[in-house]
C-alpha atoms as a PDB file:
ATOM      1  CA  UNK A   1       6.936 -14.908 -12.954  1.00  0.00           C
ATOM      2  CA  UNK A   2       6.259 -12.310 -15.601  1.00  0.00           C
ATOM      3  CA  UNK A   3       9.007  -9.643 -15.768  1.00  0.00           C
ATOM      4  CA  UNK A   4       6.467  -6.802 -15.524  1.00  0.00           C
ATOM      5  CA  UNK A   5       4.840  -8.322 -12.440  1.00  0.00           C
ATOM      6  CA  UNK A   6       8.256  -8.801 -10.835  1.00  0.00           C
ATOM      7  CA  UNK A   7       8.980  -5.092 -11.345  1.00  0.00           C
ATOM      8  CA  UNK A   8       5.552  -4.194  -9.933  1.00  0.00           C
ATOM      9  CA  UNK A   9       6.234  -6.286  -6.825  1.00  0.00           C
ATOM     10  CA  UNK A  10       9.661  -4.721  -6.391  1.00  0.00           C
ATOM     11  CA  UNK A  11       8.151  -1.216  -6.649  1.00  0.00           C
ATOM     12  CA  UNK A  12       5.432  -2.078  -4.114  1.00  0.00           C
ATOM     13  CA  UNK A  13       7.981  -3.599  -1.726  1.00  0.00           C
ATOM     14  CA  UNK A  14      10.122  -0.460  -2.011  1.00  0.00           C
ATOM     15  CA  UNK A  15       7.048   1.690  -1.312  1.00  0.00           C
ATOM     16  CA  UNK A  16       6.199  -0.273   1.852  1.00  0.00           C
ATOM     17  CA  UNK A  17       9.812  -0.484   3.062  1.00  0.00           C
ATOM     18  CA  UNK A  18      10.323   3.270   2.601  1.00  0.00           C
ATOM     19  CA  UNK A  19       7.176   4.048   4.593  1.00  0.00           C
ATOM     20  CA  UNK A  20       8.173   1.643   7.370  1.00  0.00           C
ATOM     21  CA  UNK A  21      11.651   3.202   7.612  1.00  0.00           C
ATOM     22  CA  UNK A  22      10.151   6.702   7.738  1.00  0.00           C
ATOM     23  CA  UNK A  23       7.719   5.746  10.523  1.00  0.00           C
ATOM     24  CA  UNK A  24      10.415   3.938  12.529  1.00  0.00           C
ATOM     25  CA  UNK A  25      12.687   6.994  12.262  1.00  0.00           C
ATOM     26  CA  UNK A  26       9.877   9.275  13.446  1.00  0.00           C
ATOM     27  CA  UNK A  27       9.143   6.937  16.357  1.00  0.00           C
ATOM     28  CA  UNK A  28      12.813   6.855  17.348  1.00  0.00           C
ATOM     29  CA  UNK A  29      12.898  10.659  17.317  1.00  0.00           C
ATOM     30  CA  UNK A  30       9.808  10.889  19.499  1.00  0.00           C
ATOM     31  CA  UNK A  31      11.160   8.311  21.929  1.00  0.00           C
ATOM     32  CA  UNK A  32      14.342  10.353  22.163  1.00  0.00           C
ATOM     33  CA  UNK A  33      12.251  13.478  22.812  1.00  0.00           C
ATOM     34  CA  UNK A  34      10.378  11.604  25.514  1.00  0.00           C
ATOM     35  CA  UNK A  35      13.614  10.610  27.238  1.00  0.00           C
ATOM     36  CA  UNK A  36      14.923  14.167  27.042  1.00  0.00           C
ATOM     37  CA  UNK A  37      11.707  15.718  28.364  1.00  0.00           C
ATOM     38  CA  UNK A  38      12.700  17.211  31.697  1.00  0.00           C
ATOM     39  CA  UNK A  39      10.380  17.975  34.512  1.00  0.00           C
ATOM     40  CA  UNK A  40       9.957  21.689  34.812  1.00  0.00           C
ATOM     41  CA  UNK A  41       8.550  23.743  37.625  1.00  0.00           C
ATOM     42  CA  UNK A  42       5.250  23.658  35.766  1.00  0.00           C
ATOM     43  CA  UNK A  43       4.415  19.988  36.396  1.00  0.00           C
ATOM     44  CA  UNK A  44       1.226  20.035  34.335  1.00  0.00           C
ATOM     45  CA  UNK A  45       3.128  21.276  31.295  1.00  0.00           C
ATOM     46  CA  UNK A  46       5.604  18.392  31.688  1.00  0.00           C
ATOM     47  CA  UNK A  47       2.828  15.800  31.893  1.00  0.00           C
ATOM     48  CA  UNK A  48       0.955  17.327  28.957  1.00  0.00           C
ATOM     49  CA  UNK A  49       4.119  17.313  26.842  1.00  0.00           C
ATOM     50  CA  UNK A  50       4.821  13.669  27.679  1.00  0.00           C
ATOM     51  CA  UNK A  51       1.221  12.690  26.930  1.00  0.00           C
ATOM     52  CA  UNK A  52       1.319  14.466  23.547  1.00  0.00           C
ATOM     53  CA  UNK A  53       4.505  12.592  22.641  1.00  0.00           C
ATOM     54  CA  UNK A  54       2.951   9.282  23.750  1.00  0.00           C
ATOM     55  CA  UNK A  55      -0.134   9.964  21.627  1.00  0.00           C
ATOM     56  CA  UNK A  56       2.049  10.585  18.579  1.00  0.00           C
ATOM     57  CA  UNK A  57       4.029   7.399  19.249  1.00  0.00           C
ATOM     58  CA  UNK A  58       0.770   5.440  19.449  1.00  0.00           C
ATOM     59  CA  UNK A  59      -0.459   6.915  16.141  1.00  0.00           C
ATOM     60  CA  UNK A  60       2.821   6.016  14.477  1.00  0.00           C
ATOM     61  CA  UNK A  61       2.678   2.504  15.944  1.00  0.00           C
ATOM     62  CA  UNK A  62      -0.743   2.028  14.330  1.00  0.00           C
ATOM     63  CA  UNK A  63       0.577   3.265  10.990  1.00  0.00           C
ATOM     64  CA  UNK A  64       3.591   0.981  11.306  1.00  0.00           C
ATOM     65  CA  UNK A  65       1.310  -2.007  11.862  1.00  0.00           C
ATOM     66  CA  UNK A  66      -0.769  -1.053   8.831  1.00  0.00           C
ATOM     67  CA  UNK A  67       2.320  -1.016   6.606  1.00  0.00           C
ATOM     68  CA  UNK A  68       3.505  -4.330   8.031  1.00  0.00           C
ATOM     69  CA  UNK A  69       0.068  -5.726   7.169  1.00  0.00           C
ATOM     70  CA  UNK A  70       0.497  -4.375   3.625  1.00  0.00           C
ATOM     71  CA  UNK A  71       3.851  -6.165   3.415  1.00  0.00           C
ATOM     72  CA  UNK A  72       2.124  -9.414   4.453  1.00  0.00           C
ATOM     73  CA  UNK A  73      -0.617  -8.862   1.855  1.00  0.00           C
ATOM     74  CA  UNK A  74       2.059  -8.303  -0.770  1.00  0.00           C
ATOM     75  CA  UNK A  75       3.744 -11.577   0.187  1.00  0.00           C
ATOM     76  CA  UNK A  76       0.418 -13.412  -0.126  1.00  0.00           C
ATOM     77  CA  UNK A  77      -0.191 -11.790  -3.512  1.00  0.00           C
ATOM     78  CA  UNK A  78       3.266 -12.826  -4.677  1.00  0.00           C
ATOM     79  CA  UNK A  79       2.653 -16.465  -3.797  1.00  0.00           C
ATOM     80  CA  UNK A  80      -0.645 -16.719  -5.721  1.00  0.00           C
ATOM     81  CA  UNK A  81      -0.725 -18.496  -9.056  1.00  0.00           C
ATOM     82  CA  UNK A  82      -2.521 -16.890 -11.953  1.00  0.00           C
ATOM     83  CA  UNK A  83      -5.603 -18.747 -13.162  1.00  0.00           C
ATOM     84  CA  UNK A  84      -6.383 -16.346 -16.001  1.00  0.00           C
ATOM     85  CA  UNK A  85      -8.836 -14.180 -14.095  1.00  0.00           C
ATOM     86  CA  UNK A  86      -8.167 -11.027 -12.106  1.00  0.00           C
ATOM     87  CA  UNK A  87      -7.338 -11.726  -8.465  1.00  0.00           C
ATOM     88  CA  UNK A  88      -4.948 -10.642  -5.746  1.00  0.00           C
ATOM     89  CA  UNK A  89      -1.494 -10.585  -7.311  1.00  0.00           C
ATOM     90  CA  UNK A  90      -2.503 -10.060 -10.938  1.00  0.00           C
ATOM     91  CA  UNK A  91      -1.884  -7.214 -13.310  1.00  0.00           C
ATOM     92  CA  UNK A  92      -4.824  -6.154 -15.453  1.00  0.00           C
ATOM     93  CA  UNK A  93      -4.559  -4.100 -18.623  1.00  0.00           C
ATOM     94  CA  UNK A  94      -7.684  -2.340 -19.828  1.00  0.00           C
ATOM     95  CA  UNK A  95      -8.247   0.080 -22.669  1.00  0.00           C
ATOM     96  CA  UNK A  96      -8.565   2.853 -20.034  1.00  0.00           C
ATOM     97  CA  UNK A  97      -5.788   2.088 -17.512  1.00  0.00           C
ATOM     98  CA  UNK A  98      -3.559  -0.667 -16.153  1.00  0.00           C
ATOM     99  CA  UNK A  99      -3.895  -2.041 -12.626  1.00  0.00           C
ATOM    100  CA  UNK A 100      -1.883  -4.179 -10.262  1.00  0.00           C
ATOM    101  CA  UNK A 101      -4.145  -5.770  -7.659  1.00  0.00           C
ATOM    102  CA  UNK A 102      -1.991  -6.088  -4.552  1.00  0.00           C
ATOM    103  CA  UNK A 103      -1.697  -3.108  -2.214  1.00  0.00           C
ATOM    104  CA  UNK A 104      -2.614   0.557  -2.528  1.00  0.00           C
ATOM    105  CA  UNK A 105       0.723   2.056  -3.571  1.00  0.00           C
ATOM    106  CA  UNK A 106      -0.218   4.757  -6.075  1.00  0.00           C
ATOM    107  CA  UNK A 107       1.057   4.661  -9.638  1.00  0.00           C
ATOM    108  CA  UNK A 108       4.062   2.751 -10.895  1.00  0.00           C
ATOM    109  CA  UNK A 109       5.798   3.120 -14.242  1.00  0.00           C
ATOM    110  CA  UNK A 110       7.141  -0.168 -15.638  1.00  0.00           C
ATOM    111  CA  UNK A 111       8.773  -0.348 -19.056  1.00  0.00           C
ATOM    112  CA  UNK A 112       7.170   2.957 -19.995  1.00  0.00           C
ATOM    113  CA  UNK A 113       3.650   1.873 -19.018  1.00  0.00           C
ATOM    114  CA  UNK A 114       1.672   3.249 -16.094  1.00  0.00           C
ATOM    115  CA  UNK A 115       0.065   0.860 -13.593  1.00  0.00           C
ATOM    116  CA  UNK A 116      -2.057   1.766 -10.610  1.00  0.00           C
ATOM    117  CA  UNK A 117      -1.255  -0.407  -7.597  1.00  0.00           C
ATOM    118  CA  UNK A 118      -4.582  -0.961  -5.862  1.00  0.00           C
ATOM    119  CA  UNK A 119      -5.815  -2.987  -2.922  1.00  0.00           C
ATOM    120  CA  UNK A 120      -8.190  -5.893  -3.523  1.00  0.00           C
ATOM    121  CA  UNK A 121     -10.884  -4.076  -1.521  1.00  0.00           C
ATOM    122  CA  UNK A 122     -10.802  -0.927  -3.640  1.00  0.00           C
ATOM    123  CA  UNK A 123     -13.901  -0.193  -5.751  1.00  0.00           C
ATOM    124  CA  UNK A 124     -12.112  -0.723  -9.072  1.00  0.00           C
ATOM    125  CA  UNK A 125     -10.531  -3.986  -7.887  1.00  0.00           C
ATOM    126  CA  UNK A 126     -13.936  -5.236  -6.775  1.00  0.00           C
ATOM    127  CA  UNK A 127     -15.159  -4.716 -10.337  1.00  0.00           C
ATOM    128  CA  UNK A 128     -12.097  -6.405 -11.846  1.00  0.00           C
ATOM    129  CA  UNK A 129     -11.959  -9.457  -9.577  1.00  0.00           C
ATOM    130  CA  UNK A 130     -12.742 -12.748 -11.329  1.00  0.00           C
ATOM    131  CA  UNK A 131     -12.933 -11.053 -14.735  1.00  0.00           C
ATOM    132  CA  UNK A 132     -10.952 -12.313 -17.737  1.00  0.00           C
ATOM    133  CA  UNK A 133      -9.537 -10.739 -20.880  1.00  0.00           C
ATOM    134  CA  UNK A 134     -12.325  -9.722 -23.248  1.00  0.00           C
ATOM    135  CA  UNK A 135     -14.816  -8.883 -20.484  1.00  0.00           C
ATOM    136  CA  UNK A 136     -15.944  -5.353 -19.670  1.00  0.00           C
ATOM    137  CA  UNK A 137     -16.446  -3.369 -16.492  1.00  0.00           C
ATOM    138  CA  UNK A 138     -18.203  -0.059 -15.895  1.00  0.00           C
ATOM    139  CA  UNK A 139     -16.670   2.350 -13.403  1.00  0.00           C
ATOM    140  CA  UNK A 140     -17.991   5.870 -12.793  1.00  0.00           C
ATOM    141  CA  UNK A 141     -20.194   5.568 -15.832  1.00  0.00           C
ATOM    142  CA  UNK A 142     -17.307   4.641 -18.140  1.00  0.00           C
ATOM    143  CA  UNK A 143     -16.888   1.233 -19.747  1.00  0.00           C
ATOM    144  CA  UNK A 144     -13.487  -0.389 -19.934  1.00  0.00           C
ATOM    145  CA  UNK A 145     -12.549  -3.545 -21.780  1.00  0.00           C
ATOM    146  CA  UNK A 146     -10.100  -5.909 -20.112  1.00  0.00           C
ATOM    147  CA  UNK A 147      -7.331  -6.522 -22.613  1.00  0.00           C
ATOM    148  CA  UNK A 148      -5.014  -8.753 -20.597  1.00  0.00           C
ATOM    149  CA  UNK A 149      -4.782 -10.418 -17.184  1.00  0.00           C
ATOM    150  CA  UNK A 150      -1.397 -11.735 -16.044  1.00  0.00           C
END
């Protein structure tokens, strides 16, 4: 695998792992709060407090599942072989910006170059998919030439 792509994967994996750890820590804290919630003389307040904590736990559980799905998508992207056209798991250099089609993970600097980690369903990825070096795309009224796909 290309050294740049390996670094992009590592950065994306770190992004996902950090988010998962943060969510798991928040869930553990809320579960601890739930266990420590004591019934007061105001029973309704106790039930409302417990319900609010449960709602937050459920929201975090959904977020956790989303990040686990991103990890799975990243693993699929990593296993794909490059056929010369932009697809899940490829890096694309254009004369405007560089992209890594895998998961939405913001911008990543590799060897002094900026790449935007984007999901395959993002608008820019939809324009790039199946394109090869030398082809052009138009995004937000601006044309970009694809310089390299790897």
